[in-house]
Amino acid sequence: MASSYHNPVMLTECIEALNINPEGIYVDVTFGGGGHSLKILEHLKDGRLISFDQDEDAKRQAENISSRSFTFCQANFMYMKKYLKLNGVTKVDGVLADLGVSSHQIDSPERGFSTRFDGPLDMRMDKNISLTAAKVLNEYSEEELHKLFGMYGELKNAKTAARLITQQRVNKSIERTEDLKNVLQPITPRGKENKYFAQVFQALRIEVNQEMKALENFLHQCGEVMETGGRLVVMSYHSLEDRMVKNYINKGKVFGEVDKDFFGNQIKPFEAISRKPIEASEEEVAENKRARSAKLRIAEKIIVKDIKQ
């Protein structure tokens, strides 16, 4: 089922990292095509899996799974704790997140995620939200676009890109992916067009779906719902996400300094299992280009030190 829809990256590594207890409760917050969820279910006996995805297509994929151990929640993972509670779950043994866009979403021109196809500038993971990439491009101020492209796209010419867009949209609104590419063509670095457009599209996608805010909320909830010894397994595809995940695991916060208790002990819920992120093998990258930028981080829930220590 999953292979035609979405080819999961580092599937074996993710499942091994979860260290699955057949009787445990697990969460897959990025169901997508169901590749990871199906594999987790294979390892469960009397355990339970709760999967999340806000995408309508993912919901249809989930309807193909008939296991009694499986529950699907059509929701953004930033509401994980709330939906777990609605399903009678307060503590879990492992959480898996495969961040970014599924290959199915990228390969659907009408979704507007891909730089390869012409399609409407939509980019919504959840069709119920009103903000689209076209709205961002046509309604945000030059200053807002500059900040967006600089922060989320890490564009070196973010200011120029913002100015060009605001100048061009006066004559004709930017509605399609090809419109946007044509507008930015004069300032696109020669020989690096694909990378540049990927960064622009990434910035818009992150803004439309509020991905950084969702990730921050989700990570902090992991600390609250995870059983001691439970595993947090997160795969990210760009440096912004990876930095947040790394900071949260190492410091207990996605930004800023680590909190310490009265005795100078770090207050953080997780301990990194591996200091460096795991990357895909050369063989996998050759088969699946998406694996090239993937970074997998694994952490284990630790016992919070008693203040008397």
Foldseek 3Di string as FASTA:
>chain_A
DQPVFFDDFPLVVLLVLQVDDQAFEEEEADCRLNPNVVVNPVSHDNHAYEYEFQAPVSVVNVVVDDDPRYHYDNDHLLCVCVVCVVVVAQAGQEYEYEDDDGVNCQPPQQCLLHLPDKYWQALESHPPDDDGLLCCLQPPALVVQLCLLCVQLVDPPSSVLSVLSNVVVVVPRQTISVSSCVSCVVVADPPCSRSNSNSSSRSSNCVRHVVVVSLQSNLLVCLRHYDAFGKYKYKDQDDLSVQQVLCCQVAVHSDDHHDADPVRHTFHFKHWPDNFWDAGDPVVCVVPVSRHRITMTMIGGHDGDDNVD
